[in-house]
Amino acid sequence: MDPVFRNGDQIPVVNNYIDWERLSINEQPCCAYVDNKPSMSKYGLLFNGYACIDSRNIAPDGFRVPKIQDIITLAENLGFPNENDDRIYYNGKVAYTLKSEKTWKKSFFGEPGNNQTGLSFLAGGTLGLKYGELEFNDKGTTAGHWLFDEYLPKEGVRFFPAPPDNWPKNRFHSFSIGTGGNHCLSVGDDLLMGGLFIRLIKE
């Protein structure tokens, strides 16, 4: 069954880079399985950012896309307040509790987690631009997810390169597990035409 918006409109599932690029350039939503293979469904679907910000709402009734504050609150509840003045970044001890015990490769980027939180984040990677071409990246070492926010949580946090009125229109908030080494959990931004997972929160 193809994913749908809250109003029942379907979100196209594509199986090649050409269709993904065509829809994304025209600011249309789409999604894809990891490596364009339905057999990878255990990871879920990668969505472009236009699916996340679409006014039809990708979350069904009773759910929502996480916001930046949700990541901050999650880490604080695990006993790890953000201690960085210029970014939202947590060391590996936080992400270690979020990672599943499987799908993560032992590498520079860390190793499988202990899933202490029960959230079972899988290392499905991302779909992004590399040397100007779309490709699936970092399966086994990273998990990228969209966030939904329209503000910076505090002045000086520079995960967007400009004040809110001047945000680049082709980028949006995200969080990642594994990027940067040592299991880290961080908040940043990604190109809307890229592909990340969406992990919903129950309201």
N, C-alpha and C. Protein backbone atom coordinates (compact mmCIF):
# COMPACT_ATOMS: atom_id res chain seq x y z
N MET A 1 0.84 -1.20 0.00
CA MET A 1 0.00 0.00 0.00
C MET A 1 0.88 1.25 0.00
N ASP A 2 0.65 2.14 -0.96
CA ASP A 2 1.44 3.36 -1.04
C ASP A 2 1.10 4.29 0.12
N PRO A 3 2.08 5.07 0.59
CA PRO A 3 1.80 6.03 1.67
C PRO A 3 0.88 7.14 1.18
N VAL A 4 0.15 7.72 2.10
CA VAL A 4 -0.81 8.76 1.76
C VAL A 4 -0.69 9.94 2.71
N PHE A 5 -1.16 11.08 2.26
CA PHE A 5 -1.31 12.23 3.13
C PHE A 5 -2.57 12.05 3.98
N ARG A 6 -2.75 12.95 4.93
CA ARG A 6 -3.88 12.83 5.84
C ARG A 6 -5.22 12.85 5.10
N ASN A 7 -5.28 13.54 3.95
CA ASN A 7 -6.54 13.62 3.20
C ASN A 7 -6.76 12.43 2.27
N GLY A 8 -5.81 11.49 2.26
CA GLY A 8 -5.96 10.31 1.41
C GLY A 8 -5.22 10.37 0.10
N ASP A 9 -4.67 11.54 -0.28
CA ASP A 9 -3.90 11.64 -1.52
C ASP A 9 -2.64 10.78 -1.41
N GLN A 10 -2.34 10.03 -2.47
CA GLN A 10 -1.17 9.16 -2.44
C GLN A 10 0.13 9.94 -2.64
N ILE A 11 1.18 9.43 -2.02
CA ILE A 11 2.53 9.95 -2.21
C ILE A 11 3.23 9.00 -3.16
N PRO A 12 3.66 9.47 -4.32
CA PRO A 12 4.27 8.55 -5.30
C PRO A 12 5.49 7.83 -4.75
N VAL A 13 5.53 6.52 -4.96
CA VAL A 13 6.71 5.72 -4.65
C VAL A 13 7.46 5.52 -5.96
N VAL A 14 8.68 6.06 -6.04
CA VAL A 14 9.45 5.97 -7.28
C VAL A 14 10.52 4.90 -7.13
N ASN A 15 11.02 4.42 -8.25
CA ASN A 15 12.04 3.36 -8.20
C ASN A 15 13.26 3.69 -9.05
N ASN A 16 13.45 4.99 -9.35
CA ASN A 16 14.62 5.40 -10.11
C ASN A 16 14.92 6.87 -9.83
N TYR A 17 16.17 7.24 -10.07
CA TYR A 17 16.61 8.60 -9.78
C TYR A 17 15.96 9.63 -10.68
N ILE A 18 15.64 9.24 -11.91
CA ILE A 18 15.07 10.19 -12.87
C ILE A 18 13.72 10.71 -12.38
N ASP A 19 12.85 9.80 -11.94
CA ASP A 19 11.55 10.23 -11.44
C ASP A 19 11.68 11.02 -10.15
N TRP A 20 12.59 10.58 -9.28
CA TRP A 20 12.80 11.32 -8.03
C TRP A 20 13.24 12.76 -8.33
N GLU A 21 14.19 12.90 -9.22
CA GLU A 21 14.70 14.23 -9.55
C GLU A 21 13.63 15.08 -10.22
N ARG A 22 12.87 14.48 -11.13
CA ARG A 22 11.82 15.22 -11.84
C ARG A 22 10.79 15.76 -10.87
N LEU A 23 10.31 14.93 -9.95
CA LEU A 23 9.31 15.38 -8.99
C LEU A 23 9.90 16.41 -8.02
N SER A 24 11.11 16.18 -7.58
CA SER A 24 11.71 17.08 -6.60
C SER A 24 12.01 18.45 -7.19
N ILE A 25 12.50 18.48 -8.42
CA ILE A 25 12.77 19.77 -9.07
C ILE A 25 11.49 20.58 -9.20
N ASN A 26 10.36 19.89 -9.38
CA ASN A 26 9.07 20.57 -9.48
C ASN A 26 8.38 20.71 -8.13
N GLU A 27 9.15 20.48 -7.05
CA GLU A 27 8.69 20.65 -5.66
C GLU A 27 7.47 19.80 -5.36
N GLN A 28 7.49 18.57 -5.90
CA GLN A 28 6.41 17.62 -5.68
C GLN A 28 6.89 16.51 -4.73
N PRO A 29 6.01 15.98 -3.89
CA PRO A 29 6.41 14.94 -2.95
C PRO A 29 6.66 13.61 -3.65
N CYS A 30 7.54 12.81 -3.06
CA CYS A 30 7.76 11.44 -3.51
C CYS A 30 8.53 10.70 -2.43
N CYS A 31 8.64 9.40 -2.60
CA CYS A 31 9.38 8.57 -1.65
C CYS A 31 9.94 7.37 -2.39
N ALA A 32 10.84 6.65 -1.72
CA ALA A 32 11.46 5.48 -2.34
C ALA A 32 11.97 4.54 -1.26
N TYR A 33 12.07 3.27 -1.63
CA TYR A 33 12.71 2.31 -0.75
C TYR A 33 14.22 2.48 -0.83
N VAL A 34 14.94 2.09 0.22
CA VAL A 34 16.39 2.13 0.22
C VAL A 34 16.91 1.32 -0.98
N ASP A 35 17.84 1.93 -1.72
CA ASP A 35 18.41 1.30 -2.92
C ASP A 35 17.36 1.03 -3.99
N ASN A 36 16.20 1.67 -3.89
CA ASN A 36 15.09 1.46 -4.84
C ASN A 36 14.61 0.03 -4.86
N LYS A 37 14.74 -0.68 -3.73
CA LYS A 37 14.37 -2.09 -3.67
C LYS A 37 13.28 -2.30 -2.62
N PRO A 38 12.08 -2.73 -3.01
CA PRO A 38 11.04 -3.05 -2.03
C PRO A 38 11.49 -4.05 -0.98
N SER A 39 12.48 -4.89 -1.32
CA SER A 39 12.98 -5.87 -0.36
C SER A 39 13.65 -5.20 0.85
N MET A 40 13.92 -3.90 0.73
CA MET A 40 14.52 -3.14 1.82
C MET A 40 13.47 -2.46 2.69
N SER A 41 12.25 -2.96 2.64
CA SER A 41 11.14 -2.29 3.33
C SER A 41 11.31 -2.25 4.85
N LYS A 42 12.18 -3.10 5.40
CA LYS A 42 12.39 -3.08 6.86
C LYS A 42 12.87 -1.71 7.34
N TYR A 43 13.53 -0.95 6.45
CA TYR A 43 14.01 0.37 6.82
C TYR A 43 12.91 1.44 6.76
N GLY A 44 11.82 1.13 6.10
CA GLY A 44 10.81 2.14 5.83
C GLY A 44 11.10 2.83 4.51
N LEU A 45 10.48 3.97 4.29
CA LEU A 45 10.63 4.72 3.05
C LEU A 45 11.41 6.00 3.29
N LEU A 46 12.22 6.37 2.30
CA LEU A 46 12.87 7.67 2.30
C LEU A 46 11.96 8.65 1.57
N PHE A 47 11.69 9.79 2.18
CA PHE A 47 10.83 10.81 1.59
C PHE A 47 11.65 12.04 1.22
N ASN A 48 11.29 12.70 0.11
CA ASN A 48 11.91 13.99 -0.12
C ASN A 48 11.31 15.02 0.83
N GLY A 49 11.97 16.15 0.97
CA GLY A 49 11.50 17.16 1.92
C GLY A 49 10.16 17.76 1.57
N TYR A 50 9.81 17.71 0.28
CA TYR A 50 8.53 18.29 -0.14
C TYR A 50 7.36 17.47 0.40
N ALA A 51 7.57 16.18 0.63
CA ALA A 51 6.53 15.37 1.26
C ALA A 51 6.36 15.78 2.72
N CYS A 52 7.46 16.13 3.36
CA CYS A 52 7.42 16.52 4.78
C CYS A 52 6.69 17.84 4.99
N ILE A 53 6.93 18.81 4.11
CA ILE A 53 6.37 20.15 4.32
C ILE A 53 5.04 20.36 3.59
N ASP A 54 4.55 19.36 2.88
CA ASP A 54 3.30 19.49 2.13
C ASP A 54 2.14 19.84 3.06
N SER A 55 1.32 20.78 2.65
CA SER A 55 0.21 21.25 3.49
C SER A 55 -0.85 20.17 3.72
N ARG A 56 -0.83 19.09 2.94
CA ARG A 56 -1.81 18.01 3.14
C ARG A 56 -1.47 17.16 4.37
N ASN A 57 -0.29 17.33 4.92
CA ASN A 57 0.14 16.71 6.18
C ASN A 57 0.43 15.22 6.00
N ILE A 58 1.68 14.87 6.10
CA ILE A 58 2.10 13.48 5.93
C ILE A 58 1.73 12.61 7.13
N ALA A 59 1.45 13.23 8.27
CA ALA A 59 1.13 12.47 9.48
C ALA A 59 -0.37 12.20 9.57
N PRO A 60 -0.77 10.98 9.86
CA PRO A 60 -2.21 10.70 10.05
C PRO A 60 -2.72 11.35 11.33
N ASP A 61 -4.03 11.35 11.48
CA ASP A 61 -4.64 11.93 12.68
C ASP A 61 -4.01 11.33 13.93
N GLY A 62 -3.70 12.20 14.88
CA GLY A 62 -3.14 11.74 16.14
C GLY A 62 -1.63 11.64 16.15
N PHE A 63 -0.97 11.97 15.03
CA PHE A 63 0.48 11.92 14.94
C PHE A 63 1.01 13.21 14.33
N ARG A 64 2.30 13.44 14.49
CA ARG A 64 2.94 14.60 13.88
C ARG A 64 4.41 14.30 13.61
N VAL A 65 5.01 15.09 12.72
CA VAL A 65 6.44 15.00 12.47
C VAL A 65 7.17 15.67 13.64
N PRO A 66 8.25 15.09 14.14
CA PRO A 66 8.97 15.69 15.27
C PRO A 66 9.49 17.09 14.95
N LYS A 67 9.68 17.88 15.99
CA LYS A 67 10.29 19.19 15.89
C LYS A 67 11.64 19.18 16.59
N ILE A 68 12.38 20.25 16.41
CA ILE A 68 13.70 20.36 17.03
C ILE A 68 13.61 20.17 18.54
N GLN A 69 12.61 20.80 19.15
CA GLN A 69 12.50 20.71 20.60
C GLN A 69 12.28 19.27 21.06
N ASP A 70 11.67 18.46 20.23
CA ASP A 70 11.47 17.05 20.60
C ASP A 70 12.81 16.33 20.74
N ILE A 71 13.77 16.65 19.86
CA ILE A 71 15.10 16.04 19.95
C ILE A 71 15.80 16.51 21.22
N ILE A 72 15.70 17.80 21.50
CA ILE A 72 16.30 18.35 22.71
C ILE A 72 15.70 17.70 23.96
N THR A 73 14.37 17.59 23.97
CA THR A 73 13.68 16.99 25.12
C THR A 73 14.04 15.53 25.29
N LEU A 74 14.10 14.79 24.17
CA LEU A 74 14.47 13.37 24.22
C LEU A 74 15.84 13.20 24.88
N ALA A 75 16.81 13.98 24.42
CA ALA A 75 18.16 13.86 24.97
C ALA A 75 18.18 14.25 26.45
N GLU A 76 17.45 15.30 26.80
CA GLU A 76 17.41 15.73 28.20
C GLU A 76 16.79 14.65 29.08
N ASN A 77 15.75 14.00 28.59
CA ASN A 77 15.11 12.93 29.36
C ASN A 77 16.03 11.73 29.55
N LEU A 78 17.00 11.59 28.65
CA LEU A 78 17.99 10.52 28.78
C LEU A 78 19.18 10.95 29.64
N GLY A 79 19.12 12.21 30.11
CA GLY A 79 20.17 12.71 30.98
C GLY A 79 21.30 13.42 30.27
N PHE A 80 21.02 13.91 29.03
CA PHE A 80 22.07 14.55 28.24
C PHE A 80 21.60 15.91 27.73
N PRO A 81 21.72 16.97 28.51
CA PRO A 81 21.38 18.31 28.01
C PRO A 81 22.37 18.74 26.93
N ASN A 82 21.90 19.59 26.01
CA ASN A 82 22.79 20.10 24.97
C ASN A 82 23.73 21.13 25.58
N GLU A 83 25.02 20.91 25.49
CA GLU A 83 26.00 21.80 26.10
C GLU A 83 26.79 22.59 25.07
N ASN A 84 26.34 22.58 23.83
CA ASN A 84 27.02 23.31 22.77
C ASN A 84 26.33 24.65 22.54
N ASP A 85 27.11 25.71 22.40
CA ASP A 85 26.54 27.04 22.22
C ASP A 85 26.12 27.31 20.79
N ASP A 86 26.75 26.63 19.83
CA ASP A 86 26.52 27.01 18.44
C ASP A 86 25.88 25.93 17.59
N ARG A 87 25.48 24.82 18.19
CA ARG A 87 24.82 23.77 17.41
C ARG A 87 24.12 22.81 18.37
N ILE A 88 23.27 21.96 17.82
CA ILE A 88 22.59 20.94 18.62
C ILE A 88 23.23 19.61 18.27
N TYR A 89 24.03 19.13 19.19
CA TYR A 89 24.87 17.95 18.93
C TYR A 89 25.07 17.20 20.24
N TYR A 90 24.92 15.89 20.19
CA TYR A 90 25.09 15.06 21.38
C TYR A 90 26.10 13.96 21.08
N ASN A 91 26.89 13.61 22.08
CA ASN A 91 27.90 12.60 21.84
C ASN A 91 27.28 11.21 21.70
N GLY A 92 28.14 10.23 21.51
CA GLY A 92 27.67 8.90 21.17
C GLY A 92 26.82 8.21 22.21
N LYS A 93 26.91 8.64 23.46
CA LYS A 93 26.15 7.96 24.50
C LYS A 93 24.64 8.08 24.27
N VAL A 94 24.21 9.19 23.69
CA VAL A 94 22.78 9.38 23.41
C VAL A 94 22.35 8.47 22.26
N ALA A 95 23.04 8.60 21.14
CA ALA A 95 22.66 7.82 19.95
C ALA A 95 22.76 6.32 20.20
N TYR A 96 23.70 5.92 21.04
CA TYR A 96 23.87 4.50 21.35
C TYR A 96 22.58 3.90 21.91
N THR A 97 21.84 4.69 22.70
CA THR A 97 20.59 4.20 23.29
C THR A 97 19.43 4.19 22.29
N LEU A 98 19.60 4.88 21.16
CA LEU A 98 18.54 4.98 20.15
C LEU A 98 18.69 3.93 19.06
N LYS A 99 19.91 3.52 18.81
CA LYS A 99 20.19 2.59 17.71
C LYS A 99 19.66 1.19 18.01
N SER A 100 19.18 0.55 16.95
CA SER A 100 18.84 -0.87 17.06
C SER A 100 20.11 -1.69 17.25
N GLU A 101 19.95 -2.92 17.63
CA GLU A 101 21.11 -3.79 17.81
C GLU A 101 21.56 -4.40 16.48
N LYS A 102 20.76 -4.22 15.44
CA LYS A 102 21.09 -4.74 14.12
C LYS A 102 21.09 -3.62 13.10
N THR A 103 21.59 -3.88 11.94
CA THR A 103 21.69 -3.02 10.75
C THR A 103 22.85 -2.02 10.82
N TRP A 104 23.41 -1.77 12.00
CA TRP A 104 24.52 -0.84 12.13
C TRP A 104 25.85 -1.58 12.00
N LYS A 105 26.72 -1.06 11.15
CA LYS A 105 28.05 -1.64 10.97
C LYS A 105 29.03 -1.00 11.96
N LYS A 106 29.96 -1.79 12.43
CA LYS A 106 31.02 -1.24 13.26
C LYS A 106 32.01 -0.53 12.35
N SER A 107 32.23 0.76 12.60
CA SER A 107 33.08 1.56 11.72
C SER A 107 33.52 2.81 12.46
N PHE A 108 34.14 3.73 11.73
CA PHE A 108 34.48 5.04 12.30
C PHE A 108 33.25 5.71 12.89
N PHE A 109 32.09 5.47 12.28
CA PHE A 109 30.86 6.12 12.71
C PHE A 109 30.23 5.46 13.94
N GLY A 110 30.89 4.48 14.50
CA GLY A 110 30.37 3.86 15.72
C GLY A 110 30.14 2.37 15.53
N GLU A 111 29.12 1.89 16.20
CA GLU A 111 28.81 0.47 16.18
C GLU A 111 27.35 0.29 16.53
N PRO A 112 26.82 -0.93 16.47
CA PRO A 112 25.42 -1.12 16.84
C PRO A 112 25.13 -0.60 18.25
N GLY A 113 23.90 -0.13 18.45
CA GLY A 113 23.52 0.38 19.76
C GLY A 113 22.96 -0.71 20.66
N ASN A 114 22.49 -0.28 21.83
CA ASN A 114 21.87 -1.25 22.74
C ASN A 114 20.35 -1.11 22.79
N ASN A 115 19.83 -0.12 22.04
CA ASN A 115 18.38 0.09 21.93
C ASN A 115 17.72 0.21 23.31
N GLN A 116 18.40 0.85 24.23
CA GLN A 116 17.88 1.02 25.57
C GLN A 116 16.53 1.73 25.59
N THR A 117 16.32 2.65 24.64
CA THR A 117 15.07 3.41 24.58
C THR A 117 13.93 2.63 23.95
N GLY A 118 14.26 1.55 23.23
CA GLY A 118 13.23 0.81 22.51
C GLY A 118 12.79 1.47 21.22
N LEU A 119 13.48 2.53 20.79
CA LEU A 119 13.08 3.24 19.58
C LEU A 119 13.61 2.59 18.31
N SER A 120 14.60 1.75 18.42
CA SER A 120 15.06 0.87 17.31
C SER A 120 15.33 1.61 16.01
N PHE A 121 16.10 2.68 16.06
CA PHE A 121 16.46 3.37 14.83
C PHE A 121 17.38 2.48 13.99
N LEU A 122 17.02 2.31 12.71
CA LEU A 122 17.78 1.46 11.80
C LEU A 122 18.72 2.32 10.94
N ALA A 123 19.81 1.72 10.50
CA ALA A 123 20.82 2.44 9.73
C ALA A 123 20.50 2.40 8.25
N GLY A 124 19.43 3.09 7.87
CA GLY A 124 19.00 3.07 6.47
C GLY A 124 19.70 4.07 5.58
N GLY A 125 20.55 4.94 6.16
CA GLY A 125 21.28 5.91 5.37
C GLY A 125 20.43 7.08 4.92
N THR A 126 20.76 7.61 3.74
CA THR A 126 20.05 8.75 3.17
C THR A 126 20.06 8.62 1.64
N LEU A 127 19.29 9.48 1.00
CA LEU A 127 19.38 9.64 -0.46
C LEU A 127 19.77 11.10 -0.69
N GLY A 128 20.94 11.31 -1.27
CA GLY A 128 21.42 12.69 -1.41
C GLY A 128 22.25 12.89 -2.64
N LEU A 129 22.71 14.12 -2.79
CA LEU A 129 23.58 14.47 -3.90
C LEU A 129 25.03 14.18 -3.55
N LYS A 130 25.72 13.54 -4.45
CA LYS A 130 27.14 13.28 -4.29
C LYS A 130 27.81 13.57 -5.62
N TYR A 131 28.67 14.57 -5.62
CA TYR A 131 29.29 15.03 -6.85
C TYR A 131 28.25 15.38 -7.91
N GLY A 132 27.14 15.98 -7.44
CA GLY A 132 26.12 16.44 -8.36
C GLY A 132 25.13 15.39 -8.81
N GLU A 133 25.29 14.15 -8.34
CA GLU A 133 24.41 13.05 -8.74
C GLU A 133 23.68 12.50 -7.52
N LEU A 134 22.42 12.09 -7.72
CA LEU A 134 21.66 11.48 -6.65
C LEU A 134 22.12 10.05 -6.41
N GLU A 135 22.29 9.68 -5.16
CA GLU A 135 22.60 8.29 -4.86
C GLU A 135 22.30 8.00 -3.39
N PHE A 136 22.11 6.71 -3.11
CA PHE A 136 21.89 6.27 -1.73
C PHE A 136 23.24 6.25 -1.02
N ASN A 137 23.25 6.78 0.21
CA ASN A 137 24.50 6.92 0.94
C ASN A 137 24.40 6.32 2.34
N ASP A 138 25.50 5.78 2.80
CA ASP A 138 25.74 5.51 4.23
C ASP A 138 24.80 4.51 4.88
N LYS A 139 24.25 3.58 4.11
CA LYS A 139 23.48 2.51 4.74
C LYS A 139 24.40 1.72 5.65
N GLY A 140 23.96 1.47 6.86
CA GLY A 140 24.77 0.75 7.83
C GLY A 140 25.51 1.64 8.79
N THR A 141 25.62 2.94 8.47
CA THR A 141 26.37 3.84 9.34
C THR A 141 25.60 5.09 9.75
N THR A 142 24.49 5.38 9.11
CA THR A 142 23.76 6.63 9.35
C THR A 142 22.26 6.41 9.23
N ALA A 143 21.50 7.23 9.94
CA ALA A 143 20.05 7.30 9.76
C ALA A 143 19.65 8.78 9.77
N GLY A 144 19.16 9.27 8.64
CA GLY A 144 18.74 10.67 8.53
C GLY A 144 17.23 10.78 8.54
N HIS A 145 16.69 11.78 9.27
CA HIS A 145 15.25 11.95 9.42
C HIS A 145 14.87 13.43 9.31
N TRP A 146 13.70 13.67 8.72
CA TRP A 146 13.19 15.04 8.64
C TRP A 146 12.61 15.49 9.97
N LEU A 147 12.75 16.79 10.22
CA LEU A 147 12.06 17.48 11.31
C LEU A 147 11.13 18.51 10.71
N PHE A 148 10.17 18.98 11.51
CA PHE A 148 9.28 20.02 11.00
C PHE A 148 9.30 21.20 11.96
N ASP A 149 9.93 22.28 11.55
CA ASP A 149 10.05 23.47 12.39
C ASP A 149 10.12 24.70 11.52
N GLU A 150 9.72 25.82 12.09
CA GLU A 150 9.80 27.08 11.36
C GLU A 150 10.58 28.12 12.15
N TYR A 151 11.35 27.70 13.12
CA TYR A 151 12.08 28.64 13.96
C TYR A 151 13.35 28.00 14.49
N LEU A 152 14.27 28.84 14.91
CA LEU A 152 15.46 28.38 15.61
C LEU A 152 15.16 28.36 17.11
N PRO A 153 15.56 27.32 17.83
CA PRO A 153 15.22 27.25 19.24
C PRO A 153 15.91 28.31 20.09
N LYS A 154 17.07 28.78 19.66
CA LYS A 154 17.69 29.89 20.37
C LYS A 154 18.68 30.58 19.44
N GLU A 155 18.90 31.84 19.69
CA GLU A 155 19.79 32.62 18.85
C GLU A 155 21.20 32.04 18.90
N GLY A 156 21.84 31.97 17.76
CA GLY A 156 23.22 31.51 17.71
C GLY A 156 23.40 30.06 17.32
N VAL A 157 22.32 29.28 17.32
CA VAL A 157 22.43 27.90 16.87
C VAL A 157 22.47 27.91 15.35
N ARG A 158 23.55 27.43 14.78
CA ARG A 158 23.77 27.70 13.37
C ARG A 158 23.57 26.49 12.46
N PHE A 159 22.54 25.69 12.75
CA PHE A 159 22.33 24.58 11.83
C PHE A 159 21.61 25.03 10.59
N PHE A 160 21.12 26.27 10.56
CA PHE A 160 20.75 26.92 9.31
C PHE A 160 21.72 28.09 9.10
N PRO A 161 22.12 28.36 7.88
CA PRO A 161 23.16 29.36 7.65
C PRO A 161 22.67 30.80 7.62
N ALA A 162 21.41 31.04 7.91
CA ALA A 162 20.89 32.41 7.83
C ALA A 162 19.72 32.57 8.79
N PRO A 163 19.37 33.81 9.14
CA PRO A 163 18.19 34.04 9.98
C PRO A 163 16.92 33.51 9.31
N PRO A 164 15.85 33.27 10.09
CA PRO A 164 14.63 32.65 9.53
C PRO A 164 14.09 33.30 8.27
N ASP A 165 14.11 34.65 8.19
CA ASP A 165 13.54 35.31 7.02
C ASP A 165 14.35 35.05 5.76
N ASN A 166 15.58 34.60 5.94
CA ASN A 166 16.45 34.40 4.79
C ASN A 166 16.88 32.95 4.59
N TRP A 167 16.14 32.02 5.19
CA TRP A 167 16.50 30.62 5.02
C TRP A 167 16.49 30.25 3.55
N PRO A 168 17.47 29.47 3.12
CA PRO A 168 17.42 28.99 1.74
C PRO A 168 16.17 28.15 1.53
N LYS A 169 15.48 28.41 0.45
CA LYS A 169 14.19 27.77 0.21
C LYS A 169 14.32 26.30 -0.17
N ASN A 170 15.53 25.87 -0.46
CA ASN A 170 15.70 24.47 -0.90
C ASN A 170 16.23 23.57 0.21
N ARG A 171 16.21 24.05 1.47
CA ARG A 171 16.70 23.24 2.58
C ARG A 171 15.67 23.22 3.70
N PHE A 172 15.77 22.19 4.57
CA PHE A 172 14.86 22.11 5.69
C PHE A 172 15.51 21.33 6.83
N HIS A 173 14.91 21.43 8.02
CA HIS A 173 15.47 20.83 9.23
C HIS A 173 15.52 19.31 9.16
N SER A 174 16.53 18.74 9.83
CA SER A 174 16.65 17.28 9.90
C SER A 174 17.45 16.91 11.14
N PHE A 175 17.39 15.64 11.48
CA PHE A 175 18.30 15.14 12.50
C PHE A 175 18.89 13.83 12.02
N SER A 176 20.08 13.54 12.49
CA SER A 176 20.76 12.33 12.04
C SER A 176 21.39 11.60 13.21
N ILE A 177 21.51 10.31 13.06
CA ILE A 177 22.20 9.45 14.01
C ILE A 177 23.36 8.80 13.27
N GLY A 178 24.54 8.93 13.81
CA GLY A 178 25.71 8.27 13.21
C GLY A 178 26.62 9.20 12.46
N THR A 179 26.11 10.29 11.87
CA THR A 179 26.95 11.19 11.09
C THR A 179 27.96 11.87 11.98
N GLY A 180 29.22 11.91 11.55
CA GLY A 180 30.23 12.63 12.30
C GLY A 180 31.05 11.77 13.24
N GLY A 181 30.80 10.49 13.27
CA GLY A 181 31.58 9.61 14.12
C GLY A 181 31.06 9.52 15.54
N ASN A 182 31.52 8.52 16.25
CA ASN A 182 31.23 8.33 17.68
C ASN A 182 29.74 8.27 17.97
N HIS A 183 28.97 7.67 17.11
CA HIS A 183 27.53 7.43 17.34
C HIS A 183 26.68 8.71 17.41
N CYS A 184 27.17 9.87 17.12
CA CYS A 184 26.53 11.11 17.55
C CYS A 184 25.09 11.27 17.05
N LEU A 185 24.33 12.08 17.79
CA LEU A 185 22.99 12.52 17.42
C LEU A 185 23.09 14.01 17.19
N SER A 186 22.67 14.50 16.04
CA SER A 186 22.80 15.93 15.75
C SER A 186 21.60 16.45 14.96
N VAL A 187 21.35 17.75 15.10
CA VAL A 187 20.31 18.44 14.34
C VAL A 187 20.98 19.30 13.29
N GLY A 188 20.45 19.29 12.08
CA GLY A 188 21.04 20.08 11.00
C GLY A 188 20.01 20.44 9.96
N ASP A 189 20.42 20.44 8.70
CA ASP A 189 19.49 20.72 7.61
C ASP A 189 19.93 19.95 6.38
N ASP A 190 18.98 19.69 5.49
CA ASP A 190 19.25 18.94 4.27
C ASP A 190 18.50 19.54 3.11
N LEU A 191 18.98 19.23 1.91
CA LEU A 191 18.28 19.66 0.70
C LEU A 191 16.91 19.01 0.63
N LEU A 192 15.90 19.79 0.28
CA LEU A 192 14.54 19.26 0.16
C LEU A 192 14.44 18.17 -0.91
N MET A 193 15.31 18.20 -1.89
CA MET A 193 15.23 17.17 -2.93
C MET A 193 15.90 15.87 -2.48
N GLY A 194 16.56 15.89 -1.33
CA GLY A 194 17.16 14.68 -0.80
C GLY A 194 16.13 13.77 -0.15
N GLY A 195 16.56 12.58 0.21
CA GLY A 195 15.65 11.61 0.82
C GLY A 195 16.07 11.24 2.22
N LEU A 196 15.15 11.44 3.18
CA LEU A 196 15.36 11.06 4.57
C LEU A 196 14.14 10.30 5.06
N PHE A 197 14.28 9.64 6.18
CA PHE A 197 13.15 8.95 6.79
C PHE A 197 12.31 9.94 7.59
N ILE A 198 11.10 9.53 7.94
CA ILE A 198 10.24 10.33 8.81
C ILE A 198 9.76 9.42 9.94
N ARG A 199 10.08 9.80 11.15
CA ARG A 199 9.67 9.05 12.33
C ARG A 199 8.62 9.89 13.07
N LEU A 200 7.38 9.44 13.07
CA LEU A 200 6.29 10.23 13.63
C LEU A 200 6.20 10.10 15.14
N ILE A 201 5.62 11.13 15.76
CA ILE A 201 5.36 11.15 17.20
C ILE A 201 3.85 11.13 17.43
N LYS A 202 3.43 10.33 18.37
CA LYS A 202 2.02 10.29 18.72
C LYS A 202 1.68 11.48 19.59
N GLU A 203 0.61 12.21 19.23
CA GLU A 203 0.23 13.41 19.98
C GLU A 203 -0.56 13.05 21.22
